[in-house]
Amino acid sequence: MANYSFEKHQRIKFEVVDDDGGNKFETIGSYESTMGNLMGSSAQTLQAELEMAGKKAGSLGKIIVRGEAVKDSN
């Protein structure tokens, strides 16, 4: 969980990884944005295309991320 501060420009990166078992992992793709972009999205839900160098845009699938404002947390 990342804390969001309105006064700061906070970058966030999501990486989608396939766990094939036996310590075999394959990166599916990633997406970079800002917390402000996520929290400012409609219903605080961001949809985006996954990206990876050398791969055709839109060929890796989508990521859907939803933020939730929490006033107090322990």
Protein backbone atom coordinates (compact mmCIF):
# COMPACT_ATOMS: atom_id res chain seq x y z
CA MET A 1 0.00 0.00 0.00
CA ALA A 2 1.34 3.44 -0.90
CA ASN A 3 0.52 6.59 0.99
CA TYR A 4 -0.73 9.46 -1.16
CA SER A 5 0.18 13.06 -0.49
CA PHE A 6 -1.55 15.83 -2.46
CA GLU A 7 1.52 18.03 -2.20
CA LYS A 8 3.94 15.61 -3.88
CA HIS A 9 4.37 14.16 -7.37
CA GLN A 10 4.43 10.43 -6.58
CA ARG A 11 5.24 7.93 -9.32
CA ILE A 12 3.99 4.38 -9.09
CA LYS A 13 4.91 1.34 -11.18
CA PHE A 14 2.92 -1.86 -11.56
CA GLU A 15 4.59 -5.02 -12.85
CA VAL A 16 2.56 -8.07 -13.85
CA VAL A 17 4.51 -11.31 -13.41
CA ASP A 18 3.52 -14.91 -14.19
CA ASP A 19 4.69 -17.39 -11.54
CA ASP A 20 5.23 -20.72 -13.31
CA GLY A 21 6.33 -22.42 -10.08
CA GLY A 22 9.78 -23.72 -9.25
CA ASN A 23 11.21 -20.17 -9.07
CA LYS A 24 10.33 -19.56 -12.73
CA PHE A 25 8.89 -16.11 -13.29
CA GLU A 26 7.95 -14.41 -16.54
CA THR A 27 7.25 -10.68 -16.78
CA ILE A 28 3.99 -10.09 -18.64
CA GLY A 29 4.25 -6.30 -18.77
CA SER A 30 4.24 -3.13 -16.69
CA TYR A 31 2.59 0.25 -16.39
CA GLU A 32 3.86 3.48 -14.84
CA SER A 33 1.71 6.38 -13.70
CA THR A 34 1.31 8.78 -10.81
CA MET A 35 -0.76 8.46 -7.67
CA GLY A 36 -2.51 11.70 -8.69
CA ASN A 37 -3.54 10.14 -12.00
CA LEU A 38 -4.92 7.07 -10.21
CA MET A 39 -6.75 8.94 -7.46
CA GLY A 40 -8.09 11.50 -9.97
CA SER A 41 -9.52 8.82 -12.29
CA SER A 42 -13.25 8.26 -12.50
CA ALA A 43 -14.27 6.22 -9.43
CA GLN A 44 -10.54 6.14 -8.61
CA THR A 45 -10.21 3.31 -11.14
CA LEU A 46 -7.48 3.39 -13.77
CA GLN A 47 -7.46 1.16 -16.87
CA ALA A 48 -4.34 1.04 -19.01
CA GLU A 49 -2.53 -1.10 -21.56
CA LEU A 50 0.44 -3.07 -20.25
CA GLU A 51 3.77 -2.11 -21.81
CA MET A 52 7.06 -3.88 -22.46
CA ALA A 53 10.05 -2.84 -24.54
CA GLY A 54 10.06 -4.55 -27.91
CA LYS A 55 6.39 -5.55 -27.75
CA LYS A 56 3.59 -4.12 -29.86
CA ALA A 57 1.40 -1.63 -27.98
CA GLY A 58 -1.88 -3.20 -26.92
CA SER A 59 -0.70 -6.78 -27.40
CA LEU A 60 0.00 -7.60 -23.74
CA GLY A 61 -3.39 -6.97 -22.17
CA LYS A 62 -4.76 -4.41 -19.74
CA ILE A 63 -4.31 -3.61 -16.10
CA ILE A 64 -7.11 -2.26 -13.94
CA VAL A 65 -6.13 -0.58 -10.67
CA ARG A 66 -8.50 0.88 -8.11
CA GLY A 67 -7.41 3.30 -5.40
CA GLU A 68 -9.20 3.78 -2.11
CA ALA A 69 -8.97 6.81 0.12
CA VAL A 70 -8.37 5.84 3.74
CA LYS A 71 -8.63 8.50 6.44
CA ASP A 72 -6.95 6.57 9.24
CA SER A 73 -4.98 3.36 9.23
CA ASN A 74 -3.06 1.29 11.76
